[in-house]
Amino acid sequence: MMKPFVLESNMLTMGGVFYPTGYMFLMFPNKADAEAAAQALMDDGYTGESISLITPEVIHEKIARTVGTSDIPLPSAGTEGDTVRRYAELASQGHHALLIHAPKSEESEHIMDVLKSARISYAQKYRHLVIEDLA
C-alpha cells in the first residue's frame, strides 16, 4: 500500500514552486503502468511509505498550481517551473506519477535499474539545487 500524496511545505522552493529535494518523480503513460512500477519496487523491498501514486488530477490541482506566476516578470533561475509545466502537459494526456523518496544517488540508480523495463515517460530526481534527468 502506497502512502497518499501530501504536498508538504518542504517540497516547495522559497518561491513556492514544487521542488521535492531527495525525491524522484517518475511519470508513466497510465495508472496501470505506474502501479506496476510501484509493485516492482515493493517486490524489491521498498515500502509503500516511500512511494506515492499521483493522479493527473492531483498533478493539476496540487503540483501544477505551484508554478502560478512565480517566474513573472523574470523566469526563475532554475528549471523547476518548466519541469512542473511538463508534468502538467503529460498529466493532461492521462499520465500518472510516482513520487519516490530516494535521497541517495545509489538509491536512485537502484530504482532505475529495478524499473528498467517499466514504461517511464518522464523521470526527474530532485537534488539540492539540481533537477537531474533520469530517463
C-alpha atoms as a PDB file:
ATOM      1  CA  MET A   1       0.000   0.000   0.000  1.00  0.00           C
ATOM      2  CA  MET A   2       1.452   3.325  -1.078  1.00  0.00           C
ATOM      3  CA  LYS A   3       1.169   6.398   1.077  1.00  0.00           C
ATOM      4  CA  PRO A   4      -1.205   9.120  -0.107  1.00  0.00           C
ATOM      5  CA  PHE A   5       0.467  12.113  -1.685  1.00  0.00           C
ATOM      6  CA  VAL A   6       0.525  15.207   0.509  1.00  0.00           C
ATOM      7  CA  LEU A   7       2.131  18.390  -0.769  1.00  0.00           C
ATOM      8  CA  GLU A   8       4.284  19.458   2.164  1.00  0.00           C
ATOM      9  CA  SER A   9       5.921  22.860   2.581  1.00  0.00           C
ATOM     10  CA  ASN A  10       9.401  21.289   2.393  1.00  0.00           C
ATOM     11  CA  MET A  11       8.533  20.170  -1.171  1.00  0.00           C
ATOM     12  CA  LEU A  12       8.443  23.783  -2.363  1.00  0.00           C
ATOM     13  CA  THR A  13      11.087  26.352  -3.253  1.00  0.00           C
ATOM     14  CA  MET A  14      11.194  29.660  -1.409  1.00  0.00           C
ATOM     15  CA  GLY A  15       9.110  30.976  -4.326  1.00  0.00           C
ATOM     16  CA  GLY A  16       6.526  28.259  -3.751  1.00  0.00           C
ATOM     17  CA  VAL A  17       7.276  26.054  -6.776  1.00  0.00           C
ATOM     18  CA  PHE A  18       7.213  22.252  -6.476  1.00  0.00           C
ATOM     19  CA  TYR A  19      10.769  21.045  -5.736  1.00  0.00           C
ATOM     20  CA  PRO A  20      10.811  17.936  -3.510  1.00  0.00           C
ATOM     21  CA  THR A  21      14.512  17.598  -2.702  1.00  0.00           C
ATOM     22  CA  GLY A  22      15.546  13.966  -2.234  1.00  0.00           C
ATOM     23  CA  TYR A  23      12.673  12.590  -4.294  1.00  0.00           C
ATOM     24  CA  MET A  24      12.307  11.014  -7.703  1.00  0.00           C
ATOM     25  CA  PHE A  25       9.276  11.992  -9.791  1.00  0.00           C
ATOM     26  CA  LEU A  26       8.573   9.301 -12.377  1.00  0.00           C
ATOM     27  CA  MET A  27       5.727   9.580 -14.869  1.00  0.00           C
ATOM     28  CA  PHE A  28       4.001   6.741 -16.686  1.00  0.00           C
ATOM     29  CA  PRO A  29       1.538   6.695 -19.599  1.00  0.00           C
ATOM     30  CA  ASN A  30      -1.307   5.379 -17.414  1.00  0.00           C
ATOM     31  CA  LYS A  31      -2.296   4.256 -13.931  1.00  0.00           C
ATOM     32  CA  ALA A  32      -1.651   0.566 -14.634  1.00  0.00           C
ATOM     33  CA  ASP A  33       1.955   1.256 -15.646  1.00  0.00           C
ATOM     34  CA  ALA A  34       2.521   3.406 -12.537  1.00  0.00           C
ATOM     35  CA  GLU A  35       1.002   0.762 -10.263  1.00  0.00           C
ATOM     36  CA  ALA A  36       3.078  -1.998 -11.908  1.00  0.00           C
ATOM     37  CA  ALA A  37       6.236   0.044 -11.310  1.00  0.00           C
ATOM     38  CA  ALA A  38       5.287   0.634  -7.673  1.00  0.00           C
ATOM     39  CA  GLN A  39       4.637  -3.099  -7.239  1.00  0.00           C
ATOM     40  CA  ALA A  40       8.025  -3.932  -8.763  1.00  0.00           C
ATOM     41  CA  LEU A  41       9.676  -1.611  -6.243  1.00  0.00           C
ATOM     42  CA  MET A  42       7.725  -3.090  -3.325  1.00  0.00           C
ATOM     43  CA  ASP A  43       8.617  -6.610  -4.526  1.00  0.00           C
ATOM     44  CA  ASP A  44      12.247  -5.429  -4.402  1.00  0.00           C
ATOM     45  CA  GLY A  45      11.876  -4.369  -0.753  1.00  0.00           C
ATOM     46  CA  TYR A  46      10.778  -0.738  -0.934  1.00  0.00           C
ATOM     47  CA  THR A  47       7.997   0.106   1.447  1.00  0.00           C
ATOM     48  CA  GLY A  48       4.826   1.819   0.359  1.00  0.00           C
ATOM     49  CA  GLU A  49       5.736   4.553   2.853  1.00  0.00           C
ATOM     50  CA  SER A  50       8.427   5.795   0.474  1.00  0.00           C
ATOM     51  CA  ILE A  51       6.177   5.776  -2.624  1.00  0.00           C
ATOM     52  CA  SER A  52       3.137   7.899  -3.526  1.00  0.00           C
ATOM     53  CA  LEU A  53       0.939   7.466  -6.590  1.00  0.00           C
ATOM     54  CA  ILE A  54      -0.077  10.818  -8.045  1.00  0.00           C
ATOM     55  CA  THR A  55      -3.034  11.003 -10.419  1.00  0.00           C
ATOM     56  CA  PRO A  56      -3.331  13.504 -13.271  1.00  0.00           C
ATOM     57  CA  GLU A  57      -5.999  15.350 -11.270  1.00  0.00           C
ATOM     58  CA  VAL A  58      -3.669  15.779  -8.297  1.00  0.00           C
ATOM     59  CA  ILE A  59      -0.834  16.875 -10.580  1.00  0.00           C
ATOM     60  CA  HIS A  60      -3.088  19.652 -11.886  1.00  0.00           C
ATOM     61  CA  GLU A  61      -4.739  20.558  -8.554  1.00  0.00           C
ATOM     62  CA  LYS A  62      -1.698  20.460  -6.272  1.00  0.00           C
ATOM     63  CA  ILE A  63       1.567  20.478  -8.234  1.00  0.00           C
ATOM     64  CA  ALA A  64       0.902  22.488 -11.406  1.00  0.00           C
ATOM     65  CA  ARG A  65      -0.647  25.299  -9.363  1.00  0.00           C
ATOM     66  CA  THR A  66       2.649  25.820  -7.552  1.00  0.00           C
ATOM     67  CA  VAL A  67       4.086  27.491 -10.654  1.00  0.00           C
ATOM     68  CA  GLY A  68       1.450  30.235 -10.748  1.00  0.00           C
ATOM     69  CA  THR A  69       3.186  33.471 -11.621  1.00  0.00           C
ATOM     70  CA  SER A  70       6.431  32.627  -9.839  1.00  0.00           C
ATOM     71  CA  ASP A  71       8.531  33.361 -12.912  1.00  0.00           C
ATOM     72  CA  ILE A  72       6.871  36.640 -13.863  1.00  0.00           C
ATOM     73  CA  PRO A  73       8.260  39.189 -14.618  1.00  0.00           C
ATOM     74  CA  LEU A  74      11.505  37.190 -14.972  1.00  0.00           C
ATOM     75  CA  PRO A  75      11.958  33.449 -15.480  1.00  0.00           C
ATOM     76  CA  SER A  76      13.281  31.637 -12.429  1.00  0.00           C
ATOM     77  CA  ALA A  77      16.988  30.886 -12.272  1.00  0.00           C
ATOM     78  CA  GLY A  78      16.265  27.153 -12.373  1.00  0.00           C
ATOM     79  CA  THR A  79      14.110  24.884 -14.459  1.00  0.00           C
ATOM     80  CA  GLU A  80      11.614  23.934 -11.763  1.00  0.00           C
ATOM     81  CA  GLY A  81       8.779  25.915 -13.367  1.00  0.00           C
ATOM     82  CA  ASP A  82       9.392  24.346 -16.774  1.00  0.00           C
ATOM     83  CA  THR A  83       9.603  20.910 -15.185  1.00  0.00           C
ATOM     84  CA  VAL A  84       6.249  21.346 -13.441  1.00  0.00           C
ATOM     85  CA  ARG A  85       4.718  22.559 -16.711  1.00  0.00           C
ATOM     86  CA  ARG A  86       5.963  19.351 -18.365  1.00  0.00           C
ATOM     87  CA  TYR A  87       4.276  17.304 -15.620  1.00  0.00           C
ATOM     88  CA  ALA A  88       1.026  19.175 -16.262  1.00  0.00           C
ATOM     89  CA  GLU A  89       1.308  18.605 -20.015  1.00  0.00           C
ATOM     90  CA  LEU A  90       1.761  14.860 -19.533  1.00  0.00           C
ATOM     91  CA  ALA A  91      -0.992  14.733 -16.899  1.00  0.00           C
ATOM     92  CA  SER A  92      -3.329  16.301 -19.467  1.00  0.00           C
ATOM     93  CA  GLN A  93      -2.617  13.233 -21.602  1.00  0.00           C
ATOM     94  CA  GLY A  94      -3.535  10.881 -18.732  1.00  0.00           C
ATOM     95  CA  HIS A  95      -0.053  10.193 -17.365  1.00  0.00           C
ATOM     96  CA  HIS A  96       0.251   9.214 -13.695  1.00  0.00           C
ATOM     97  CA  ALA A  97       3.298   9.681 -11.479  1.00  0.00           C
ATOM     98  CA  LEU A  98       5.151   8.042  -8.643  1.00  0.00           C
ATOM     99  CA  LEU A  99       6.908  10.222  -6.105  1.00  0.00           C
ATOM    100  CA  ILE A 100       9.639   8.121  -4.514  1.00  0.00           C
ATOM    101  CA  HIS A 101      11.771   9.165  -1.569  1.00  0.00           C
ATOM    102  CA  ALA A 102      15.345   8.318  -2.595  1.00  0.00           C
ATOM    103  CA  PRO A 103      17.771  10.856  -1.113  1.00  0.00           C
ATOM    104  CA  LYS A 104      20.955   8.944  -2.017  1.00  0.00           C
ATOM    105  CA  SER A 105      22.174   8.651  -5.603  1.00  0.00           C
ATOM    106  CA  GLU A 106      22.727   4.900  -5.107  1.00  0.00           C
ATOM    107  CA  GLU A 107      19.017   4.538  -4.301  1.00  0.00           C
ATOM    108  CA  SER A 108      18.041   6.407  -7.472  1.00  0.00           C
ATOM    109  CA  GLU A 109      20.321   4.238  -9.565  1.00  0.00           C
ATOM    110  CA  HIS A 110      18.910   1.073  -7.997  1.00  0.00           C
ATOM    111  CA  ILE A 111      15.315   2.224  -8.536  1.00  0.00           C
ATOM    112  CA  MET A 112      16.020   2.981 -12.200  1.00  0.00           C
ATOM    113  CA  ASP A 113      17.631  -0.458 -12.534  1.00  0.00           C
ATOM    114  CA  VAL A 114      14.588  -2.173 -10.976  1.00  0.00           C
ATOM    115  CA  LEU A 115      12.348  -0.205 -13.338  1.00  0.00           C
ATOM    116  CA  LYS A 116      14.499  -0.639 -16.479  1.00  0.00           C
ATOM    117  CA  SER A 117      11.640  -2.433 -18.275  1.00  0.00           C
ATOM    118  CA  ALA A 118       8.917  -0.096 -16.967  1.00  0.00           C
ATOM    119  CA  ARG A 119       7.181   2.281 -19.351  1.00  0.00           C
ATOM    120  CA  ILE A 120       8.555   5.515 -17.874  1.00  0.00           C
ATOM    121  CA  SER A 121       7.512   8.570 -19.867  1.00  0.00           C
ATOM    122  CA  TYR A 122       9.448  11.166 -17.854  1.00  0.00           C
ATOM    123  CA  ALA A 123      11.802  10.878 -14.887  1.00  0.00           C
ATOM    124  CA  GLN A 124      13.378  13.510 -12.659  1.00  0.00           C
ATOM    125  CA  LYS A 125      15.453  13.387  -9.490  1.00  0.00           C
ATOM    126  CA  TYR A 126      15.370  16.448  -7.259  1.00  0.00           C
ATOM    127  CA  ARG A 127      18.755  17.014  -5.686  1.00  0.00           C
ATOM    128  CA  HIS A 128      19.831  20.054  -3.728  1.00  0.00           C
ATOM    129  CA  LEU A 129      19.814  22.885  -6.319  1.00  0.00           C
ATOM    130  CA  VAL A 130      19.728  20.470  -9.303  1.00  0.00           C
ATOM    131  CA  ILE A 131      16.956  18.618 -11.123  1.00  0.00           C
ATOM    132  CA  GLU A 132      18.524  15.573 -12.757  1.00  0.00           C
ATOM    133  CA  ASP A 133      17.048  13.882 -15.842  1.00  0.00           C
ATOM    134  CA  LEU A 134      16.870  10.156 -15.236  1.00  0.00           C
ATOM    135  CA  ALA A 135      15.371   8.821 -18.468  1.00  0.00           C
END
